[in-house]
C-alpha atoms as a PDB file:
ATOM      1  CA  MET A   1      10.000 -20.536  13.194  1.00  0.00           C
ATOM      2  CA  THR A   2       7.068 -21.215  10.176  1.00  0.00           C
ATOM      3  CA  THR A   3       3.047 -20.881  11.522  1.00  0.00           C
ATOM      4  CA  SER A   4       0.747 -22.605   9.541  1.00  0.00           C
ATOM      5  CA  SER A   5       0.670 -19.519   7.674  1.00  0.00           C
ATOM      6  CA  PHE A   6       3.972 -17.730   7.147  1.00  0.00           C
ATOM      7  CA  THR A   7       7.473 -17.620   8.753  1.00  0.00           C
ATOM      8  CA  VAL A   8       8.804 -15.903  11.521  1.00  0.00           C
ATOM      9  CA  MET A   9      12.768 -15.592  10.788  1.00  0.00           C
ATOM     10  CA  THR A  10      14.859 -15.040  14.242  1.00  0.00           C
ATOM     11  CA  PRO A  11      18.764 -14.728  14.410  1.00  0.00           C
ATOM     12  CA  ALA A  12      18.978 -18.267  14.489  1.00  0.00           C
ATOM     13  CA  ASP A  13      17.257 -19.134  11.610  1.00  0.00           C
ATOM     14  CA  LEU A  14      19.269 -16.270  10.099  1.00  0.00           C
ATOM     15  CA  PRO A  15      21.914 -13.893  10.923  1.00  0.00           C
ATOM     16  CA  ILE A  16      21.737 -10.369   9.965  1.00  0.00           C
ATOM     17  CA  SER A  17      24.276  -8.001  11.079  1.00  0.00           C
ATOM     18  CA  VAL A  18      23.410  -4.346  10.849  1.00  0.00           C
ATOM     19  CA  GLY A  19      25.495  -2.208   8.620  1.00  0.00           C
ATOM     20  CA  THR A  20      26.627  -5.509   6.605  1.00  0.00           C
ATOM     21  CA  PRO A  21      25.419  -6.699   3.414  1.00  0.00           C
ATOM     22  CA  LEU A  22      23.395  -9.706   2.891  1.00  0.00           C
ATOM     23  CA  ASP A  23      25.693 -11.908   1.336  1.00  0.00           C
ATOM     24  CA  GLY A  24      23.717 -14.368  -1.869  1.00  0.00           C
ATOM     25  CA  PRO A  25      22.824 -17.436   0.632  1.00  0.00           C
ATOM     26  CA  SER A  26      20.731 -15.614   3.066  1.00  0.00           C
ATOM     27  CA  LYS A  27      19.010 -13.327   0.458  1.00  0.00           C
ATOM     28  CA  THR A  28      18.193 -16.871  -1.032  1.00  0.00           C
ATOM     29  CA  VAL A  29      16.800 -18.044   2.093  1.00  0.00           C
ATOM     30  CA  ILE A  30      14.779 -14.733   2.201  1.00  0.00           C
ATOM     31  CA  SER A  31      13.512 -14.704  -1.512  1.00  0.00           C
ATOM     32  CA  ASP A  32      12.346 -18.211  -0.783  1.00  0.00           C
ATOM     33  CA  GLN A  33       9.778 -17.207   2.117  1.00  0.00           C
ATOM     34  CA  ILE A  34       9.007 -14.427   0.180  1.00  0.00           C
ATOM     35  CA  ASN A  35       8.240 -16.206  -2.663  1.00  0.00           C
ATOM     36  CA  ALA A  36       6.312 -18.688  -0.546  1.00  0.00           C
ATOM     37  CA  HIS A  37       4.298 -16.191   1.848  1.00  0.00           C
ATOM     38  CA  GLY A  38       4.451 -12.877  -0.391  1.00  0.00           C
ATOM     39  CA  PHE A  39       6.378 -11.433   3.292  1.00  0.00           C
ATOM     40  CA  VAL A  40       8.428 -12.573   6.474  1.00  0.00           C
ATOM     41  CA  VAL A  41       8.411 -10.952   9.397  1.00  0.00           C
ATOM     42  CA  PHE A  42      11.830 -11.298  11.625  1.00  0.00           C
ATOM     43  CA  ARG A  43      11.529 -11.157  15.767  1.00  0.00           C
ATOM     44  CA  ASP A  44      14.329 -10.561  17.956  1.00  0.00           C
ATOM     45  CA  TYR A  45      17.030  -8.979  15.489  1.00  0.00           C
ATOM     46  CA  GLY A  46      17.601  -5.874  18.644  1.00  0.00           C
ATOM     47  CA  ILE A  47      15.834  -2.919  16.519  1.00  0.00           C
ATOM     48  CA  SER A  48      14.504  -0.627  18.713  1.00  0.00           C
ATOM     49  CA  THR A  49      14.797   3.195  17.302  1.00  0.00           C
ATOM     50  CA  ALA A  50      14.066   4.352  13.850  1.00  0.00           C
ATOM     51  CA  GLN A  51      17.576   4.351  12.781  1.00  0.00           C
ATOM     52  CA  ASP A  52      18.001   0.784  13.804  1.00  0.00           C
ATOM     53  CA  PHE A  53      15.355   0.168  11.476  1.00  0.00           C
ATOM     54  CA  HIS A  54      17.093   2.049   8.891  1.00  0.00           C
ATOM     55  CA  ASP A  55      20.136   0.388   9.438  1.00  0.00           C
ATOM     56  CA  PHE A  56      18.805  -2.699   8.808  1.00  0.00           C
ATOM     57  CA  ILE A  57      17.215  -2.122   6.302  1.00  0.00           C
ATOM     58  CA  GLU A  58      20.346  -0.962   4.258  1.00  0.00           C
ATOM     59  CA  ALA A  59      22.280  -4.445   4.845  1.00  0.00           C
ATOM     60  CA  PHE A  60      19.037  -5.628   1.885  1.00  0.00           C
ATOM     61  CA  ASP A  61      20.715  -3.057  -0.964  1.00  0.00           C
ATOM     62  CA  LEU A  62      17.060  -2.128  -1.989  1.00  0.00           C
ATOM     63  CA  PRO A  63      16.879   0.850  -3.806  1.00  0.00           C
ATOM     64  CA  ASN A  64      14.910   3.740  -1.608  1.00  0.00           C
ATOM     65  CA  PHE A  65      11.482   5.032  -2.381  1.00  0.00           C
ATOM     66  CA  THR A  66      11.078   8.149  -0.812  1.00  0.00           C
ATOM     67  CA  TYR A  67       7.891   9.340   0.980  1.00  0.00           C
ATOM     68  CA  THR A  68       8.140  12.960  -0.617  1.00  0.00           C
ATOM     69  CA  GLU A  69       8.929  11.678  -3.996  1.00  0.00           C
ATOM     70  CA  SER A  70       5.583   8.948  -3.768  1.00  0.00           C
ATOM     71  CA  PHE A  71       1.892  10.122  -4.719  1.00  0.00           C
ATOM     72  CA  SER A  72       0.609   8.174  -1.532  1.00  0.00           C
ATOM     73  CA  ASN A  73      -2.216   9.676  -0.238  1.00  0.00           C
ATOM     74  CA  ALA A  74      -1.469   9.025   3.682  1.00  0.00           C
ATOM     75  CA  VAL A  75      -0.011  11.566   5.786  1.00  0.00           C
ATOM     76  CA  ARG A  76       3.173  10.874   7.015  1.00  0.00           C
ATOM     77  CA  HIS A  77       6.424  11.898   8.880  1.00  0.00           C
ATOM     78  CA  ASN A  78       9.968  10.793   7.908  1.00  0.00           C
ATOM     79  CA  ARG A  79      12.194   9.620  11.111  1.00  0.00           C
ATOM     80  CA  THR A  80      15.039   9.324   8.869  1.00  0.00           C
ATOM     81  CA  SER A  81      15.641   9.635   5.386  1.00  0.00           C
ATOM     82  CA  ARG A  82      14.013   5.857   4.476  1.00  0.00           C
ATOM     83  CA  VAL A  83      11.769   6.022   7.678  1.00  0.00           C
ATOM     84  CA  PHE A  84       8.225   7.653   7.984  1.00  0.00           C
ATOM     85  CA  THR A  85       5.531   7.016  10.117  1.00  0.00           C
ATOM     86  CA  ALA A  86       2.926   4.250   8.675  1.00  0.00           C
ATOM     87  CA  ASN A  87      -0.144   6.014   8.115  1.00  0.00           C
ATOM     88  CA  GLU A  88      -0.853   8.592  10.730  1.00  0.00           C
ATOM     89  CA  ALA A  89      -5.112   8.354  10.643  1.00  0.00           C
ATOM     90  CA  PRO A  90      -6.867   7.954  13.957  1.00  0.00           C
ATOM     91  CA  PRO A  91      -6.869   4.533  16.149  1.00  0.00           C
ATOM     92  CA  GLU A  92     -10.590   3.851  15.548  1.00  0.00           C
ATOM     93  CA  VAL A  93     -10.327   4.375  11.520  1.00  0.00           C
ATOM     94  CA  GLU A  94      -9.543   0.753   9.848  1.00  0.00           C
ATOM     95  CA  ILE A  95      -7.189   0.886   6.791  1.00  0.00           C
ATOM     96  CA  PHE A  96      -8.340  -1.355   4.379  1.00  0.00           C
ATOM     97  CA  LEU A  97      -6.710  -3.828   2.498  1.00  0.00           C
ATOM     98  CA  HIS A  98      -4.560  -2.660  -0.583  1.00  0.00           C
ATOM     99  CA  HIS A  99      -1.666  -2.634  -2.904  1.00  0.00           C
ATOM    100  CA  GLU A 100       0.799   0.174  -1.649  1.00  0.00           C
ATOM    101  CA  MET A 101       0.426   3.042  -4.164  1.00  0.00           C
ATOM    102  CA  ALA A 102      -1.301   0.872  -7.448  1.00  0.00           C
ATOM    103  CA  GLN A 103      -3.655   3.700  -7.453  1.00  0.00           C
ATOM    104  CA  THR A 104      -0.393   5.801  -8.636  1.00  0.00           C
ATOM    105  CA  LEU A 105       1.539   5.242 -12.288  1.00  0.00           C
ATOM    106  CA  THR A 106       4.689   4.734  -9.444  1.00  0.00           C
ATOM    107  CA  PHE A 107       4.547   2.771  -6.987  1.00  0.00           C
ATOM    108  CA  PRO A 108       7.095   0.534  -4.718  1.00  0.00           C
ATOM    109  CA  GLY A 109       8.255  -3.040  -5.400  1.00  0.00           C
ATOM    110  CA  GLN A 110       8.792  -3.738  -1.624  1.00  0.00           C
ATOM    111  CA  LEU A 111       8.010  -2.332   1.665  1.00  0.00           C
ATOM    112  CA  PHE A 112       8.976  -2.640   5.025  1.00  0.00           C
ATOM    113  CA  PHE A 113       7.525  -2.235   8.497  1.00  0.00           C
ATOM    114  CA  PHE A 114       8.570  -1.981  11.834  1.00  0.00           C
ATOM    115  CA  CYS A 115       6.994  -2.430  15.161  1.00  0.00           C
ATOM    116  CA  GLU A 116       7.981   0.324  17.546  1.00  0.00           C
ATOM    117  CA  LYS A 117       5.348   0.292  19.921  1.00  0.00           C
ATOM    118  CA  PRO A 118       2.245  -2.198  19.805  1.00  0.00           C
ATOM    119  CA  ALA A 119      -1.291  -1.224  20.515  1.00  0.00           C
ATOM    120  CA  GLU A 120      -2.174  -2.566  23.430  1.00  0.00           C
ATOM    121  CA  THR A 121      -5.694  -3.607  22.130  1.00  0.00           C
ATOM    122  CA  GLY A 122      -5.646  -4.339  18.024  1.00  0.00           C
ATOM    123  CA  GLY A 123      -3.615  -2.744  15.456  1.00  0.00           C
ATOM    124  CA  ALA A 124      -2.629  -5.974  13.651  1.00  0.00           C
ATOM    125  CA  THR A 125      -1.441  -5.444  10.131  1.00  0.00           C
ATOM    126  CA  PRO A 126      -3.687  -7.938   7.683  1.00  0.00           C
ATOM    127  CA  ILE A 127      -2.272  -9.529   4.479  1.00  0.00           C
ATOM    128  CA  CYS A 128      -4.009 -10.902   1.309  1.00  0.00           C
ATOM    129  CA  ARG A 129      -2.869 -13.296  -0.786  1.00  0.00           C
ATOM    130  CA  SER A 130      -3.894 -10.900  -4.197  1.00  0.00           C
ATOM    131  CA  ASP A 131      -3.345 -13.627  -6.146  1.00  0.00           C
ATOM    132  CA  HIS A 132      -5.191 -16.197  -4.204  1.00  0.00           C
ATOM    133  CA  ALA A 133      -8.091 -13.268  -4.137  1.00  0.00           C
ATOM    134  CA  LEU A 134      -8.063 -12.972  -7.811  1.00  0.00           C
ATOM    135  CA  LEU A 135      -8.519 -16.788  -8.348  1.00  0.00           C
ATOM    136  CA  ALA A 136     -11.479 -16.442  -5.369  1.00  0.00           C
ATOM    137  CA  LEU A 137     -12.921 -13.406  -7.580  1.00  0.00           C
ATOM    138  CA  THR A 138     -12.960 -15.250 -10.922  1.00  0.00           C
ATOM    139  CA  ALA A 139     -15.115 -17.978  -9.233  1.00  0.00           C
ATOM    140  CA  ILE A 140     -17.684 -15.856  -8.773  1.00  0.00           C
ATOM    141  CA  ARG A 141     -17.798 -12.622 -10.886  1.00  0.00           C
ATOM    142  CA  PRO A 142     -15.997 -13.550 -13.793  1.00  0.00           C
ATOM    143  CA  GLU A 143     -17.550 -11.305 -15.630  1.00  0.00           C
ATOM    144  CA  PHE A 144     -16.204  -8.316 -13.506  1.00  0.00           C
ATOM    145  CA  VAL A 145     -13.268  -9.960 -13.959  1.00  0.00           C
ATOM    146  CA  ALA A 146     -12.965  -9.569 -17.536  1.00  0.00           C
ATOM    147  CA  LYS A 147     -13.886  -6.109 -17.176  1.00  0.00           C
ATOM    148  CA  LEU A 148     -11.275  -5.369 -14.971  1.00  0.00           C
ATOM    149  CA  ARG A 149      -8.752  -7.604 -17.272  1.00  0.00           C
ATOM    150  CA  ALA A 150      -9.889  -5.488 -20.584  1.00  0.00           C
ATOM    151  CA  LEU A 151     -10.634  -1.942 -19.020  1.00  0.00           C
ATOM    152  CA  GLY A 152      -8.876  -1.354 -16.078  1.00  0.00           C
ATOM    153  CA  VAL A 153     -10.074   1.293 -13.398  1.00  0.00           C
ATOM    154  CA  ARG A 154      -9.780   4.892 -12.535  1.00  0.00           C
ATOM    155  CA  TYR A 155      -9.580   6.026  -8.945  1.00  0.00           C
ATOM    156  CA  ARG A 156     -10.944   9.612  -8.173  1.00  0.00           C
ATOM    157  CA  ASN A 157      -9.809  10.824  -4.315  1.00  0.00           C
ATOM    158  CA  SER A 158     -10.322  14.492  -2.745  1.00  0.00           C
ATOM    159  CA  MET A 159      -7.119  16.266  -2.154  1.00  0.00           C
ATOM    160  CA  PRO A 160      -6.919  18.977   0.542  1.00  0.00           C
ATOM    161  CA  ILE A 161      -5.623  21.900   0.686  1.00  0.00           C
ATOM    162  CA  ASP A 162      -4.143  21.451   4.347  1.00  0.00           C
ATOM    163  CA  ALA A 163      -3.046  17.954   5.533  1.00  0.00           C
ATOM    164  CA  ASP A 164      -6.289  16.167   7.590  1.00  0.00           C
ATOM    165  CA  VAL A 165      -4.786  14.043  10.362  1.00  0.00           C
ATOM    166  CA  ALA A 166      -7.940  12.459  10.878  1.00  0.00           C
ATOM    167  CA  SER A 167      -8.386  10.747   7.303  1.00  0.00           C
ATOM    168  CA  GLY A 168      -6.603   7.602   5.883  1.00  0.00           C
ATOM    169  CA  GLN A 169      -6.237   9.678   2.635  1.00  0.00           C
ATOM    170  CA  GLY A 170      -5.322  13.076   3.906  1.00  0.00           C
ATOM    171  CA  ARG A 171      -2.184  14.281   2.609  1.00  0.00           C
ATOM    172  CA  SER A 172      -2.755  17.784   1.289  1.00  0.00           C
ATOM    173  CA  TRP A 173      -2.226  17.892  -3.017  1.00  0.00           C
ATOM    174  CA  LYS A 174       0.937  20.400  -2.254  1.00  0.00           C
ATOM    175  CA  ASP A 175       2.456  17.455  -0.485  1.00  0.00           C
ATOM    176  CA  THR A 176       1.160  14.376  -2.553  1.00  0.00           C
ATOM    177  CA  LEU A 177       2.141  16.771  -5.750  1.00  0.00           C
ATOM    178  CA  ASN A 178       5.527  17.952  -4.154  1.00  0.00           C
ATOM    179  CA  VAL A 179       4.236  21.636  -5.178  1.00  0.00           C
ATOM    180  CA  SER A 180       4.038  24.877  -3.795  1.00  0.00           C
ATOM    181  CA  ASN A 181       0.741  26.632  -5.818  1.00  0.00           C
ATOM    182  CA  ALA A 182      -2.227  25.547  -8.090  1.00  0.00           C
ATOM    183  CA  GLU A 183      -0.447  26.344 -11.338  1.00  0.00           C
ATOM    184  CA  GLN A 184       2.154  23.787 -10.523  1.00  0.00           C
ATOM    185  CA  ALA A 185      -0.420  21.401  -9.279  1.00  0.00           C
ATOM    186  CA  GLU A 186      -2.379  21.779 -12.376  1.00  0.00           C
ATOM    187  CA  THR A 187       0.677  21.443 -14.595  1.00  0.00           C
ATOM    188  CA  ARG A 188       1.775  18.478 -12.846  1.00  0.00           C
ATOM    189  CA  LEU A 189      -1.220  16.666 -12.931  1.00  0.00           C
ATOM    190  CA  THR A 190      -1.544  17.569 -16.540  1.00  0.00           C
ATOM    191  CA  GLU A 191       1.825  16.144 -17.182  1.00  0.00           C
ATOM    192  CA  LEU A 192       0.395  12.557 -15.160  1.00  0.00           C
ATOM    193  CA  GLY A 193      -2.985  12.507 -17.734  1.00  0.00           C
ATOM    194  CA  TYR A 194      -4.710  13.106 -14.675  1.00  0.00           C
ATOM    195  CA  SER A 195      -8.106  14.897 -14.336  1.00  0.00           C
ATOM    196  CA  PHE A 196      -9.043  17.170 -12.323  1.00  0.00           C
ATOM    197  CA  ARG A 197     -11.322  20.326 -10.646  1.00  0.00           C
ATOM    198  CA  TRP A 198     -11.013  22.582  -7.672  1.00  0.00           C
ATOM    199  CA  LEU A 199     -13.132  22.496  -4.962  1.00  0.00           C
ATOM    200  CA  ASN A 200     -14.918  24.896  -2.962  1.00  0.00           C
ATOM    201  CA  ASP A 201     -12.676  24.213  -0.058  1.00  0.00           C
ATOM    202  CA  GLY A 202      -9.603  24.536  -2.123  1.00  0.00           C
ATOM    203  CA  GLY A 203      -8.980  21.261  -1.979  1.00  0.00           C
ATOM    204  CA  LEU A 204      -8.701  19.146  -5.408  1.00  0.00           C
ATOM    205  CA  SER A 205     -10.799  16.371  -6.796  1.00  0.00           C
ATOM    206  CA  VAL A 206      -8.577  14.549  -9.286  1.00  0.00           C
ATOM    207  CA  GLN A 207      -8.932  10.910 -11.337  1.00  0.00           C
ATOM    208  CA  THR A 208      -6.468   8.752 -12.432  1.00  0.00           C
ATOM    209  CA  PRO A 209      -5.792   7.567 -15.547  1.00  0.00           C
ATOM    210  CA  ALA A 210      -7.019   3.837 -16.749  1.00  0.00           C
ATOM    211  CA  LEU A 211      -4.805   1.404 -14.542  1.00  0.00           C
ATOM    212  CA  MET A 212      -4.453  -2.153 -14.718  1.00  0.00           C
ATOM    213  CA  ALA A 213      -6.463  -3.886 -12.254  1.00  0.00           C
ATOM    214  CA  VAL A 214      -5.111  -7.281 -12.833  1.00  0.00           C
ATOM    215  CA  ASP A 215      -1.128  -7.504 -13.421  1.00  0.00           C
ATOM    216  CA  GLU A 216       1.600 -10.644 -13.260  1.00  0.00           C
ATOM    217  CA  PHE A 217       4.748  -8.279 -13.118  1.00  0.00           C
ATOM    218  CA  GLY A 218       6.501 -10.735 -15.853  1.00  0.00           C
ATOM    219  CA  ARG A 219       5.889 -13.307 -13.351  1.00  0.00           C
ATOM    220  CA  GLY A 220       3.900 -15.906 -14.781  1.00  0.00           C
ATOM    221  CA  LYS A 221       0.984 -14.910 -11.789  1.00  0.00           C
ATOM    222  CA  ASP A 222      -2.165 -12.870 -12.119  1.00  0.00           C
ATOM    223  CA  VAL A 223      -2.158 -10.711  -9.253  1.00  0.00           C
ATOM    224  CA  PHE A 224      -5.512  -8.490  -7.907  1.00  0.00           C
ATOM    225  CA  PHE A 225      -3.182  -5.362  -8.109  1.00  0.00           C
ATOM    226  CA  ASN A 226      -4.646  -2.312  -7.140  1.00  0.00           C
ATOM    227  CA  GLN A 227      -6.823  -0.444  -4.581  1.00  0.00           C
ATOM    228  CA  ILE A 228     -10.099  -1.727  -5.570  1.00  0.00           C
ATOM    229  CA  VAL A 229     -10.840  -3.028  -1.562  1.00  0.00           C
ATOM    230  CA  ALA A 230      -9.276   0.332   0.051  1.00  0.00           C
ATOM    231  CA  ALA A 231     -11.385   2.744  -2.179  1.00  0.00           C
ATOM    232  CA  ALA A 232     -14.272   0.845  -2.157  1.00  0.00           C
ATOM    233  CA  ALA A 233     -14.919   0.234   1.914  1.00  0.00           C
ATOM    234  CA  SER A 234     -13.366   3.565   2.747  1.00  0.00           C
ATOM    235  CA  TRP A 235     -12.482   6.715   0.845  1.00  0.00           C
ATOM    236  CA  ALA A 236     -14.741   9.290   1.753  1.00  0.00           C
ATOM    237  CA  ASN A 237     -16.401  11.975  -0.844  1.00  0.00           C
ATOM    238  CA  ALA A 238     -15.932  15.960  -0.371  1.00  0.00           C
ATOM    239  CA  ASP A 239     -19.330  17.677  -0.240  1.00  0.00           C
ATOM    240  CA  ASP A 240     -18.476  18.972  -3.244  1.00  0.00           C
ATOM    241  CA  ASP A 241     -17.235  16.391  -4.968  1.00  0.00           C
ATOM    242  CA  PRO A 242     -19.909  13.569  -5.463  1.00  0.00           C
ATOM    243  CA  GLU A 243     -18.705  11.552  -8.507  1.00  0.00           C
ATOM    244  CA  PRO A 244     -17.736   7.830  -7.509  1.00  0.00           C
ATOM    245  CA  ARG A 245     -14.812   6.726  -6.291  1.00  0.00           C
ATOM    246  CA  LEU A 246     -13.908   3.953  -8.956  1.00  0.00           C
ATOM    247  CA  CYS A 247     -14.833   3.366 -12.203  1.00  0.00           C
ATOM    248  CA  PHE A 248     -13.684   1.443 -14.690  1.00  0.00           C
ATOM    249  CA  GLY A 249     -10.869   2.490 -17.720  1.00  0.00           C
ATOM    250  CA  ASP A 250     -13.639   3.257 -20.232  1.00  0.00           C
ATOM    251  CA  HIS A 251     -15.734   5.751 -17.208  1.00  0.00           C
ATOM    252  CA  SER A 252     -18.921   3.133 -16.814  1.00  0.00           C
ATOM    253  CA  ARG A 253     -20.069   2.095 -13.445  1.00  0.00           C
ATOM    254  CA  ILE A 254     -18.587  -0.654 -11.486  1.00  0.00           C
ATOM    255  CA  GLU A 255     -21.538  -2.132  -9.766  1.00  0.00           C
ATOM    256  CA  THR A 256     -21.398  -2.137  -5.967  1.00  0.00           C
ATOM    257  CA  ALA A 257     -21.928  -6.196  -5.946  1.00  0.00           C
ATOM    258  CA  ASP A 258     -18.973  -6.696  -7.858  1.00  0.00           C
ATOM    259  CA  LEU A 259     -17.114  -4.293  -5.163  1.00  0.00           C
ATOM    260  CA  GLU A 260     -18.687  -5.988  -2.448  1.00  0.00           C
ATOM    261  CA  ALA A 261     -17.675  -8.945  -3.557  1.00  0.00           C
ATOM    262  CA  ALA A 262     -13.847  -8.163  -3.951  1.00  0.00           C
ATOM    263  CA  ILE A 263     -13.629  -7.252  -0.544  1.00  0.00           C
ATOM    264  CA  ASP A 264     -15.515 -10.694   0.911  1.00  0.00           C
ATOM    265  CA  VAL A 265     -13.016 -12.663  -1.189  1.00  0.00           C
ATOM    266  CA  SER A 266      -9.849 -10.414  -0.113  1.00  0.00           C
ATOM    267  CA  TYR A 267     -10.685 -10.696   3.369  1.00  0.00           C
ATOM    268  CA  GLU A 268     -11.579 -14.693   3.521  1.00  0.00           C
ATOM    269  CA  ASN A 269      -7.856 -14.743   1.976  1.00  0.00           C
ATOM    270  CA  THR A 270      -6.168 -12.911   4.895  1.00  0.00           C
ATOM    271  CA  ILE A 271      -3.662 -13.138   7.656  1.00  0.00           C
ATOM    272  CA  ASP A 272      -3.237 -11.046   9.952  1.00  0.00           C
ATOM    273  CA  ILE A 273       0.301 -10.033  11.887  1.00  0.00           C
ATOM    274  CA  GLU A 274      -0.034  -9.555  15.351  1.00  0.00           C
ATOM    275  CA  TRP A 275       2.691  -7.011  16.530  1.00  0.00           C
ATOM    276  CA  GLN A 276       5.790  -7.406  18.792  1.00  0.00           C
ATOM    277  CA  LYS A 277       7.837  -4.543  19.526  1.00  0.00           C
ATOM    278  CA  GLY A 278      10.811  -5.050  17.689  1.00  0.00           C
ATOM    279  CA  ASP A 279       8.949  -6.814  14.803  1.00  0.00           C
ATOM    280  CA  ILE A 280       9.941  -6.156  11.472  1.00  0.00           C
ATOM    281  CA  ALA A 281       8.140  -7.900   7.952  1.00  0.00           C
ATOM    282  CA  LEU A 282       9.172  -7.376   4.486  1.00  0.00           C
ATOM    283  CA  LEU A 283       6.437  -7.169   2.251  1.00  0.00           C
ATOM    284  CA  ASP A 284       6.936  -8.152  -1.478  1.00  0.00           C
ATOM    285  CA  ASN A 285       3.791  -5.234  -2.858  1.00  0.00           C
ATOM    286  CA  LEU A 286       3.578  -6.801  -6.129  1.00  0.00           C
ATOM    287  CA  LYS A 287       1.970 -10.007  -4.386  1.00  0.00           C
ATOM    288  CA  VAL A 288       0.339  -9.043  -1.116  1.00  0.00           C
ATOM    289  CA  MET A 289      -1.973  -6.413   0.222  1.00  0.00           C
ATOM    290  CA  HIS A 290      -2.301  -4.984   3.773  1.00  0.00           C
ATOM    291  CA  GLY A 291      -3.884  -2.651   5.939  1.00  0.00           C
ATOM    292  CA  ARG A 292      -4.711  -1.556   9.423  1.00  0.00           C
ATOM    293  CA  ARG A 293      -6.742  -3.308  11.740  1.00  0.00           C
ATOM    294  CA  SER A 294      -8.777  -0.639  14.417  1.00  0.00           C
ATOM    295  CA  PHE A 295      -6.548  -0.591  17.583  1.00  0.00           C
ATOM    296  CA  GLU A 296      -6.841   1.118  21.310  1.00  0.00           C
ATOM    297  CA  GLY A 297      -3.789   2.779  23.053  1.00  0.00           C
ATOM    298  CA  THR A 298      -1.028   4.155  21.149  1.00  0.00           C
ATOM    299  CA  ARG A 299       0.561   2.298  18.465  1.00  0.00           C
ATOM    300  CA  SER A 300       3.838   2.860  16.567  1.00  0.00           C
ATOM    301  CA  VAL A 301       4.548   1.405  13.206  1.00  0.00           C
ATOM    302  CA  LEU A 302       7.097   2.963  10.981  1.00  0.00           C
ATOM    303  CA  ALA A 303       7.526   1.964   7.356  1.00  0.00           C
ATOM    304  CA  ALA A 304      10.062   2.229   4.402  1.00  0.00           C
ATOM    305  CA  LEU A 305       9.456   1.950   0.677  1.00  0.00           C
ATOM    306  CA  CYS A 306      12.154   0.445  -2.046  1.00  0.00           C
ATOM    307  CA  SER A 307      12.363  -0.399  -5.758  1.00  0.00           C
ATOM    308  CA  PRO A 308      10.218   2.229  -7.162  1.00  0.00           C
ATOM    309  CA  ILE A 309       8.636   0.647 -10.835  1.00  0.00           C
ATOM    310  CA  ALA A 310       7.547   3.106 -12.767  1.00  0.00           C
ATOM    311  CA  ARG A 311       4.021   1.974 -15.795  1.00  0.00           C
ATOM    312  CA  PRO A 312       1.986   3.560 -18.271  1.00  0.00           C
ATOM    313  CA  ALA A 313      -1.696   4.353 -18.196  1.00  0.00           C
ATOM    314  CA  LEU A 314      -3.811   2.135 -20.451  1.00  0.00           C
ATOM    315  CA  GLY A 315      -4.603   3.994 -23.357  1.00  0.00           C
ATOM    316  CA  LEU A 316      -8.167   4.231 -22.711  1.00  0.00           C
END
């Protein structure tokens, strides 16, 4: 079934047998939808548990990118070796648009979501075509986009000493860095080219090296590949960590009006996945941003990351 904005595939459109690898023609059908929209939704495939979801993903034969290996700053919990909870921030907290882990040196090429339980109200997953957002932003803020292309962006965030489930960026520095003590954390960050300083409460303020904010990944079409919208809209400062969450790669200031414009054009180019129980979505992380609308009641959406991609920092 094709909506005005994206495709919802059912077993009538494409049979998928859990535990059986997809054949070439089936992969082509899915790739055509991903190329057209950046994502596709699978509905009515009888998926009801985390293990079902895990087995469904296995049919796609994509490399696993585990939560433990990732630099994700969200609090999550594993349900299988592939599957974990999506961001566990409280229902009233909106997760703003972002490319998954675009603020890091290694990020997934694809990600899957599975609706184990839809919210009573709200809780949709907004999806933004980043190539469209980039074109719109370039039309109204050409100088801003030119600076992003030339200089990239640096991100700063505060990693707590203990997990903060009330925050969309609440993963502890030990879990994020996969270390057990401060000395190991400092070594890891230094190896990655991050700058850092310890906060009074035992948390860490870290800043990334300069990273590309616009890229085409060898596909011939530039995308707004970054976490600028999420960082500008929601990343909070710790009490003793007042520095801006974003700056250009040369450490110069990004104007608030430019950040607001980026947020506006991204949401103007967004459509929502209104979840039904059992739905699965496959996203091309190099093409679309995603987020989470606030909601009421309980909601369980599980996630899986695939095909890790590593990139170097910019030499600034």
